[in-house]
Amino acid sequence: MSEGGPMQQHFPSRPSLLQRAWRALWRLVERLSRCLASQTLEGSPNDAFERPSLVEARLLVLGASDTGKSTFMKQMRYVFGDAFPAHERRRHLPHVRRNLLESLHKMVLAMDVLAVAYATPEARVAAGRFADMVPLEAFLHEDSPMDPSLVEETRAMWADQGVQEVFRRGNEYHLMTNADHFIASAPRILRDDYLPSVDDILRMRYPTHCSVTSTYDVGEMRMTMHDMGGQRGARGEWVTHFARPTAILFLASLAEFDQNVEEADREEKERKNRVHESLEIFETLLGYPPFHNTPVILLLNKADVFRKKITYHSLADYFPQYEGPAGDEAMGREYLSGLYEGLAVKHGRHYVSRFTEATNTEDFKAIFSFVKTHVSRNMISRGGLL
């Protein structure tokens, strides 16, 4: 208050636009300094300056049901993620045991439908245990005690020549691809202290009914992968993820040449070869206008299963146009590969392809290197930086 005058209030003058900008910049510098200091404690002093920014890549993982998309995603997690810690592997225990018990159940039912006789009385008696899935449901929990007799009954079944014939005819009743892996591993899987191995998890089958998205930092690239699910009911979701993907990873199974689409048998009462359905989906993607400039990587998967099947199922029985010799793995897979190539030529599209075994981790590493190389090249050609 000034002497001899009225009381006055003094307010600070409003800072100018330039002053406010400098203050905001100074606060940003201080915040960045604190961040760099905390990073220096966790890593090397130059980490913040040496680490390049990650290039973003988004892949749509597409294909028909049971072609190996989920296996590819599980391999990504195993190789680049947390490698399935013990508690996570235990969570898969009921699914692995279900794959085993349901496979045995399906084969027992098929013995009657296909009119195949058991070769041994032991197998005939053991089959009664797997004829009804309801009692077997009691063993499909993490803490369920196992009945030791299940192991011996499984062995008796698997050693039977009649059962082996029905196994080879699994394409006639939709037996899962890796049934033999789980049945042969029954002594291990049916132990009370069983913990699923990574190989069990990779081969385990359960349908993906909705999209699954995972992101991994791989070298200089941050790769986000969308597994869209191959069931017919899940394909309606694909269109919601069609906004400018970096690339399409399309998986097709070589091993399905002798199989029909299970959903078509059930819903439409028609017989439709799985390879034909896969080709239809592939052609739809090639002709979809928003994808005209999207790179396509085709993985012709399950080459290992094809190698076994081609020895007892003739490709010409399912594809009369095939003129190669029966049982010839190389010519058979080249013929199937040529069906996809013909569609690409029809639509004037370029693509790259590779024969794969997604359940084999070492082969997967080579597959991923192949995929990453082509994604990188396409990003560079389209103006991206790596």
Protein backbone atom coordinates (compact mmCIF):
# COMPACT_ATOMS: atom_id res chain seq x y z
CA MET A 1 0.00 0.00 0.00
CA SER A 2 1.45 3.39 -0.93
CA GLU A 3 1.44 6.11 1.71
CA GLY A 4 -0.98 8.98 1.03
CA GLY A 5 -2.79 7.16 -1.82
CA PRO A 6 -5.49 4.59 -2.38
CA MET A 7 -4.77 0.88 -1.86
CA GLN A 8 -3.73 -0.85 -5.11
CA GLN A 9 -3.55 -4.54 -5.99
CA HIS A 10 -0.62 -5.68 -8.13
CA PHE A 11 -1.16 -8.75 -10.40
CA PRO A 12 1.68 -10.42 -12.26
CA SER A 13 1.68 -9.47 -15.90
CA ARG A 14 0.44 -12.23 -18.28
CA PRO A 15 3.41 -13.99 -19.92
CA SER A 16 3.77 -13.50 -23.61
CA LEU A 17 3.25 -16.32 -26.14
CA LEU A 18 7.02 -16.59 -26.56
CA GLN A 19 7.57 -16.88 -22.80
CA ARG A 20 4.93 -19.62 -22.51
CA ALA A 21 6.53 -21.52 -25.38
CA TRP A 22 9.97 -21.34 -23.72
CA ARG A 23 8.55 -22.57 -20.40
CA ALA A 24 6.81 -25.51 -22.11
CA LEU A 25 10.00 -26.37 -23.95
CA TRP A 26 12.03 -26.19 -20.73
CA ARG A 27 9.58 -28.51 -18.94
CA LEU A 28 9.86 -30.96 -21.87
CA VAL A 29 13.66 -30.86 -21.67
CA GLU A 30 13.56 -31.52 -17.92
CA ARG A 31 11.17 -34.44 -18.40
CA LEU A 32 13.34 -35.90 -21.17
CA SER A 33 16.41 -35.53 -18.97
CA ARG A 34 14.74 -37.51 -16.18
CA CYS A 35 13.74 -40.23 -18.65
CA LEU A 36 17.26 -40.48 -20.02
CA ALA A 37 18.66 -40.64 -16.49
CA SER A 38 16.38 -43.54 -15.58
CA GLN A 39 17.29 -45.36 -18.82
CA THR A 40 20.98 -44.94 -18.04
CA LEU A 41 20.47 -46.77 -14.75
CA GLU A 42 18.83 -49.72 -16.53
CA GLY A 43 21.06 -49.98 -19.60
CA SER A 44 24.28 -48.69 -21.06
CA PRO A 45 24.87 -44.90 -20.95
CA ASN A 46 24.40 -44.61 -24.70
CA ASP A 47 21.32 -46.83 -25.06
CA ALA A 48 18.94 -43.89 -25.48
CA PHE A 49 21.01 -42.51 -28.35
CA GLU A 50 22.16 -45.75 -30.02
CA ARG A 51 18.82 -47.60 -30.11
CA PRO A 52 17.15 -46.92 -33.46
CA SER A 53 13.45 -46.25 -33.63
CA LEU A 54 11.45 -49.36 -34.50
CA VAL A 55 9.82 -49.67 -37.88
CA GLU A 56 6.19 -50.71 -37.59
CA ALA A 57 4.94 -53.66 -39.69
CA ARG A 58 1.44 -55.14 -39.55
CA LEU A 59 0.78 -58.60 -40.94
CA LEU A 60 -2.58 -60.27 -41.45
CA VAL A 61 -2.21 -64.02 -40.87
CA LEU A 62 -4.93 -65.57 -43.01
CA GLY A 63 -5.98 -68.96 -44.30
CA ALA A 64 -8.61 -71.66 -43.95
CA SER A 65 -9.19 -73.68 -40.80
CA ASP A 66 -6.45 -76.04 -39.54
CA THR A 67 -3.70 -74.75 -41.82
CA GLY A 68 -1.25 -73.88 -39.02
CA LYS A 69 -1.90 -70.19 -38.34
CA SER A 70 -2.19 -70.69 -34.58
CA THR A 71 0.97 -72.82 -34.62
CA PHE A 72 2.81 -70.00 -36.38
CA MET A 73 1.62 -67.57 -33.71
CA LYS A 74 2.67 -69.94 -30.92
CA GLN A 75 6.12 -70.26 -32.48
CA MET A 76 6.38 -66.46 -32.54
CA ARG A 77 5.70 -66.41 -28.83
CA TYR A 78 8.11 -69.26 -28.12
CA VAL A 79 11.00 -67.77 -30.11
CA PHE A 80 10.45 -64.05 -29.53
CA GLY A 81 8.23 -63.93 -26.42
CA ASP A 82 8.23 -65.59 -23.01
CA ALA A 83 8.87 -69.15 -24.31
CA PHE A 84 5.89 -70.62 -22.41
CA PRO A 85 6.81 -70.62 -18.71
CA ALA A 86 5.72 -73.59 -16.58
CA HIS A 87 2.49 -72.01 -15.30
CA GLU A 88 1.46 -71.23 -18.87
CA ARG A 89 2.24 -74.74 -20.06
CA ARG A 90 0.12 -76.17 -17.24
CA ARG A 91 -2.82 -74.14 -18.51
CA HIS A 92 -2.69 -76.15 -21.75
CA LEU A 93 -2.79 -79.53 -19.99
CA PRO A 94 -6.57 -80.11 -20.38
CA HIS A 95 -6.41 -79.20 -24.08
CA VAL A 96 -3.58 -81.65 -24.79
CA ARG A 97 -5.35 -84.48 -22.98
CA ARG A 98 -8.56 -83.67 -24.84
CA ASN A 99 -6.69 -83.95 -28.15
CA LEU A 100 -5.51 -87.41 -27.09
CA LEU A 101 -8.80 -88.76 -25.72
CA GLU A 102 -10.98 -87.28 -28.47
CA SER A 103 -8.70 -88.78 -31.13
CA LEU A 104 -9.11 -92.23 -29.58
CA HIS A 105 -12.85 -91.69 -29.27
CA LYS A 106 -13.14 -90.72 -32.95
CA MET A 107 -11.17 -93.76 -34.07
CA VAL A 108 -13.35 -96.14 -32.04
CA LEU A 109 -16.48 -94.70 -33.62
CA ALA A 110 -14.85 -94.89 -37.07
CA MET A 111 -14.09 -98.59 -36.61
CA ASP A 112 -17.84 -99.26 -36.74
CA VAL A 113 -18.66 -96.71 -39.44
CA LEU A 114 -15.89 -97.93 -41.75
CA ALA A 115 -16.58 -101.61 -40.88
CA VAL A 116 -13.00 -102.34 -39.88
CA ALA A 117 -12.45 -105.24 -37.46
CA TYR A 118 -10.05 -105.15 -34.52
CA ALA A 119 -7.10 -107.45 -35.08
CA THR A 120 -6.66 -108.36 -31.40
CA PRO A 121 -9.09 -109.06 -28.55
CA GLU A 122 -7.05 -106.70 -26.32
CA ALA A 123 -7.80 -103.77 -28.62
CA ARG A 124 -11.47 -104.71 -28.85
CA VAL A 125 -11.79 -104.70 -25.06
CA ALA A 126 -9.77 -101.48 -24.69
CA ALA A 127 -11.96 -99.74 -27.27
CA GLY A 128 -14.91 -99.90 -24.87
CA ARG A 129 -13.11 -97.39 -22.65
CA PHE A 130 -13.00 -94.77 -25.42
CA ALA A 131 -16.42 -95.35 -26.99
CA ASP A 132 -18.11 -92.69 -24.84
CA MET A 133 -16.50 -89.31 -24.21
CA VAL A 134 -18.69 -88.46 -21.21
CA PRO A 135 -16.76 -90.61 -18.67
CA LEU A 136 -13.48 -89.36 -20.13
CA GLU A 137 -14.39 -85.75 -19.37
CA ALA A 138 -13.46 -86.42 -15.73
CA PHE A 139 -9.80 -86.58 -16.75
CA LEU A 140 -9.76 -83.23 -18.55
CA HIS A 141 -8.82 -80.96 -15.64
CA GLU A 142 -5.42 -79.81 -14.42
CA ASP A 143 -5.80 -81.56 -11.06
CA SER A 144 -7.59 -84.70 -12.30
CA PRO A 145 -5.96 -87.94 -11.08
CA MET A 146 -5.21 -90.32 -13.93
CA ASP A 147 -6.29 -93.94 -14.19
CA PRO A 148 -3.13 -95.98 -15.01
CA SER A 149 -5.21 -98.45 -17.01
CA LEU A 150 -5.81 -95.73 -19.61
CA VAL A 151 -2.16 -96.00 -20.66
CA GLU A 152 -2.31 -99.75 -21.23
CA GLU A 153 -5.61 -99.48 -23.07
CA THR A 154 -4.19 -96.79 -25.33
CA ARG A 155 -1.15 -98.97 -26.08
CA ALA A 156 -3.38 -101.94 -26.92
CA MET A 157 -5.43 -99.79 -29.28
CA TRP A 158 -2.46 -98.18 -31.03
CA ALA A 159 -0.69 -101.52 -31.59
CA ASP A 160 -3.74 -102.99 -33.35
CA GLN A 161 -3.51 -103.31 -37.14
CA GLY A 162 -7.22 -102.57 -37.59
CA VAL A 163 -6.85 -99.33 -35.61
CA GLN A 164 -3.81 -98.41 -37.71
CA GLU A 165 -5.90 -98.85 -40.86
CA VAL A 166 -8.57 -96.54 -39.47
CA PHE A 167 -5.88 -94.04 -38.50
CA ARG A 168 -4.62 -93.96 -42.10
CA ARG A 169 -8.21 -93.32 -43.20
CA GLY A 170 -8.55 -90.39 -40.79
CA ASN A 171 -9.34 -88.09 -43.70
CA GLU A 172 -12.72 -89.81 -43.98
CA TYR A 173 -13.90 -88.74 -40.53
CA HIS A 174 -11.92 -85.55 -39.72
CA LEU A 175 -9.25 -86.99 -37.43
CA MET A 176 -6.98 -84.19 -36.20
CA THR A 177 -3.60 -83.84 -37.91
CA ASN A 178 -1.35 -84.68 -34.95
CA ALA A 179 -3.43 -87.50 -33.44
CA ASP A 180 -0.52 -89.93 -33.78
CA HIS A 181 1.79 -87.63 -31.80
CA PHE A 182 -0.57 -87.51 -28.82
CA ILE A 183 -1.55 -91.19 -28.90
CA ALA A 184 2.07 -92.34 -29.10
CA SER A 185 2.87 -89.99 -26.18
CA ALA A 186 0.03 -91.32 -23.97
CA PRO A 187 2.36 -92.82 -21.30
CA ARG A 188 3.77 -89.33 -20.73
CA ILE A 189 0.57 -87.30 -21.20
CA LEU A 190 -1.51 -89.47 -18.85
CA ARG A 191 0.90 -89.25 -15.90
CA ASP A 192 -0.33 -87.42 -12.80
CA ASP A 193 2.72 -85.12 -12.88
CA TYR A 194 2.47 -84.39 -16.61
CA LEU A 195 3.47 -80.90 -17.74
CA PRO A 196 2.94 -80.18 -21.46
CA SER A 197 6.11 -79.77 -23.48
CA VAL A 198 6.52 -76.95 -25.97
CA ASP A 199 6.21 -79.54 -28.75
CA ASP A 200 2.86 -80.68 -27.29
CA ILE A 201 1.61 -77.08 -27.24
CA LEU A 202 2.74 -76.44 -30.81
CA ARG A 203 0.93 -79.56 -32.05
CA MET A 204 -2.16 -79.05 -29.90
CA ARG A 205 -5.33 -78.31 -31.82
CA TYR A 206 -8.12 -76.01 -30.80
CA PRO A 207 -9.99 -73.74 -33.21
CA THR A 208 -9.49 -69.96 -33.22
CA HIS A 209 -12.97 -68.44 -33.37
CA CYS A 210 -11.89 -64.81 -33.08
CA SER A 211 -8.92 -62.66 -34.00
CA VAL A 212 -5.75 -62.81 -31.89
CA THR A 213 -3.25 -59.96 -32.05
CA SER A 214 0.37 -60.18 -30.87
CA THR A 215 3.23 -57.70 -31.14
CA TYR A 216 6.95 -58.54 -31.04
CA ASP A 217 10.06 -56.40 -31.32
CA VAL A 218 12.37 -58.26 -33.70
CA GLY A 219 15.61 -56.42 -34.32
CA GLU A 220 14.79 -53.06 -35.88
CA MET A 221 11.18 -54.03 -36.57
CA ARG A 222 8.07 -53.97 -34.38
CA MET A 223 5.86 -56.63 -35.92
CA THR A 224 2.16 -56.77 -35.09
CA MET A 225 0.47 -59.94 -36.27
CA HIS A 226 -3.28 -60.52 -36.51
CA ASP A 227 -4.33 -64.19 -36.56
CA MET A 228 -7.83 -63.82 -37.94
CA GLY A 229 -9.08 -67.37 -37.32
CA GLY A 230 -9.86 -69.78 -40.12
CA GLN A 231 -13.25 -71.12 -39.09
CA ARG A 232 -15.98 -70.13 -41.52
CA GLY A 233 -17.79 -68.18 -38.81
CA ALA A 234 -14.64 -66.17 -38.02
CA ARG A 235 -13.98 -65.00 -41.56
CA GLY A 236 -16.57 -62.25 -41.27
CA GLU A 237 -14.12 -60.45 -38.94
CA TRP A 238 -11.37 -60.34 -41.55
CA VAL A 239 -12.82 -57.29 -43.27
CA THR A 240 -12.48 -55.22 -40.07
CA HIS A 241 -8.69 -55.59 -40.28
CA PHE A 242 -8.30 -54.80 -43.97
CA ALA A 243 -6.98 -51.25 -43.48
CA ARG A 244 -3.64 -51.14 -45.29
CA PRO A 245 -1.71 -54.07 -43.82
CA THR A 246 2.03 -54.17 -44.48
CA ALA A 247 1.74 -57.71 -45.84
CA ILE A 248 -0.53 -60.74 -45.91
CA LEU A 249 0.82 -64.02 -44.60
CA PHE A 250 -1.38 -66.72 -46.12
CA LEU A 251 -1.05 -70.26 -44.78
CA ALA A 252 -2.25 -73.24 -46.81
CA SER A 253 -1.93 -76.88 -45.78
CA LEU A 254 -0.36 -79.39 -48.16
CA ALA A 255 -1.64 -82.20 -45.93
CA GLU A 256 -5.30 -81.42 -46.65
CA PHE A 257 -5.29 -82.79 -50.20
CA ASP A 258 -7.26 -85.85 -49.05
CA GLN A 259 -9.67 -84.09 -46.66
CA ASN A 260 -13.09 -82.47 -46.94
CA VAL A 261 -14.19 -79.31 -45.15
CA GLU A 262 -15.84 -80.46 -41.93
CA GLU A 263 -18.12 -77.41 -41.71
CA ALA A 264 -19.35 -77.99 -45.27
CA ASP A 265 -20.20 -81.61 -44.45
CA ARG A 266 -22.12 -80.50 -41.37
CA GLU A 267 -23.76 -77.27 -42.54
CA GLU A 268 -24.26 -77.71 -46.26
CA LYS A 269 -24.33 -81.50 -46.59
CA GLU A 270 -21.84 -81.28 -49.44
CA ARG A 271 -18.38 -82.67 -49.88
CA LYS A 272 -15.77 -80.01 -50.52
CA ASN A 273 -12.05 -80.63 -50.63
CA ARG A 274 -10.10 -78.47 -48.19
CA VAL A 275 -7.50 -77.49 -50.77
CA HIS A 276 -10.27 -76.24 -53.05
CA GLU A 277 -11.67 -74.08 -50.24
CA SER A 278 -8.19 -72.74 -49.49
CA LEU A 279 -7.74 -71.86 -53.16
CA GLU A 280 -11.07 -70.02 -53.18
CA ILE A 281 -10.04 -67.93 -50.18
CA PHE A 282 -6.64 -67.21 -51.73
CA GLU A 283 -8.28 -66.04 -54.97
CA THR A 284 -10.68 -63.81 -53.04
CA LEU A 285 -7.74 -62.10 -51.34
CA LEU A 286 -5.88 -61.66 -54.62
CA GLY A 287 -8.90 -60.02 -56.19
CA TYR A 288 -9.86 -57.81 -53.24
CA PRO A 289 -9.29 -54.19 -54.45
CA PRO A 290 -7.74 -52.78 -51.22
CA PHE A 291 -5.11 -55.55 -51.40
CA HIS A 292 -3.94 -54.92 -54.96
CA ASN A 293 -0.67 -53.41 -53.73
CA THR A 294 -0.28 -55.51 -50.58
CA PRO A 295 2.58 -58.05 -50.68
CA VAL A 296 1.45 -61.67 -50.29
CA ILE A 297 3.61 -64.35 -48.68
CA LEU A 298 2.29 -67.89 -49.17
CA LEU A 299 3.40 -70.59 -46.73
CA LEU A 300 2.57 -74.09 -47.97
CA ASN A 301 2.51 -75.67 -44.54
CA LYS A 302 2.52 -79.20 -43.06
CA ALA A 303 5.07 -80.48 -45.55
CA ASP A 304 6.07 -83.11 -42.97
CA VAL A 305 2.52 -84.49 -42.73
CA PHE A 306 2.22 -84.43 -46.53
CA ARG A 307 5.44 -86.47 -46.75
CA LYS A 308 3.84 -89.28 -44.71
CA LYS A 309 0.38 -89.12 -46.27
CA ILE A 310 1.55 -89.24 -49.87
CA THR A 311 2.95 -92.74 -49.26
CA TYR A 312 -0.50 -94.23 -48.66
CA HIS A 313 -2.94 -91.75 -50.28
CA SER A 314 -2.61 -91.11 -54.00
CA LEU A 315 -2.88 -87.45 -54.98
CA ALA A 316 -4.58 -88.45 -58.24
CA ASP A 317 -7.50 -89.93 -56.29
CA TYR A 318 -8.41 -86.40 -55.15
CA PHE A 319 -7.00 -84.35 -58.05
CA PRO A 320 -7.55 -86.30 -61.27
CA GLN A 321 -5.57 -83.68 -63.25
CA TYR A 322 -2.39 -84.72 -61.44
CA GLU A 323 -0.32 -86.83 -63.81
CA GLY A 324 2.75 -87.50 -61.70
CA PRO A 325 3.67 -90.84 -60.15
CA ALA A 326 1.88 -91.96 -57.00
CA GLY A 327 3.83 -91.42 -53.79
CA ASP A 328 6.20 -88.83 -55.28
CA GLU A 329 6.52 -86.12 -52.59
CA ALA A 330 8.38 -83.55 -54.71
CA MET A 331 6.08 -83.73 -57.72
CA GLY A 332 2.99 -83.82 -55.53
CA ARG A 333 3.79 -80.69 -53.61
CA GLU A 334 4.90 -78.87 -56.77
CA TYR A 335 1.53 -79.71 -58.31
CA LEU A 336 -0.36 -78.24 -55.33
CA SER A 337 1.92 -75.20 -55.32
CA GLY A 338 1.14 -74.73 -59.00
CA LEU A 339 -2.59 -74.41 -58.25
CA TYR A 340 -1.88 -71.28 -56.18
CA GLU A 341 0.54 -69.98 -58.80
CA GLY A 342 -2.14 -70.31 -61.47
CA LEU A 343 -4.46 -68.05 -59.47
CA ALA A 344 -1.74 -65.44 -59.05
CA VAL A 345 -1.09 -65.44 -62.80
CA LYS A 346 -4.83 -65.14 -63.45
CA HIS A 347 -5.01 -61.99 -61.31
CA GLY A 348 -1.66 -60.58 -62.44
CA ARG A 349 -0.32 -60.71 -58.89
CA HIS A 350 3.22 -61.30 -57.67
CA TYR A 351 3.76 -63.33 -54.51
CA VAL A 352 6.49 -65.33 -52.80
CA SER A 353 6.06 -68.82 -51.37
CA ARG A 354 7.83 -71.43 -49.30
CA PHE A 355 7.20 -75.00 -48.17
CA THR A 356 7.10 -75.09 -44.37
CA GLU A 357 6.81 -77.23 -41.24
CA ALA A 358 5.51 -74.79 -38.64
CA THR A 359 5.69 -77.28 -35.76
CA ASN A 360 9.47 -77.57 -36.27
CA THR A 361 11.08 -74.71 -34.35
CA GLU A 362 14.31 -74.70 -36.36
CA ASP A 363 12.33 -74.67 -39.60
CA PHE A 364 10.16 -71.89 -38.17
CA LYS A 365 13.22 -69.72 -37.57
CA ALA A 366 14.11 -70.08 -41.25
CA ILE A 367 10.48 -69.36 -42.18
CA PHE A 368 10.43 -66.20 -40.08
CA SER A 369 13.73 -65.00 -41.56
CA PHE A 370 12.19 -65.52 -45.01
CA VAL A 371 9.05 -63.59 -44.02
CA LYS A 372 10.94 -60.73 -42.35
CA THR A 373 13.29 -60.35 -45.34
CA HIS A 374 10.41 -59.96 -47.76
CA VAL A 375 8.47 -57.62 -45.47
CA SER A 376 11.60 -55.45 -45.11
CA ARG A 377 12.21 -55.35 -48.85
CA ASN A 378 8.64 -54.35 -49.56
CA MET A 379 8.71 -51.64 -46.90
CA ILE A 380 11.86 -50.18 -48.45
CA SER A 381 10.39 -50.29 -51.95
CA ARG A 382 7.27 -48.52 -50.68
CA GLY A 383 9.24 -45.75 -49.01
CA GLY A 384 9.74 -47.17 -45.50
CA LEU A 385 13.04 -46.87 -43.65
CA LEU A 386 14.87 -49.73 -42.00
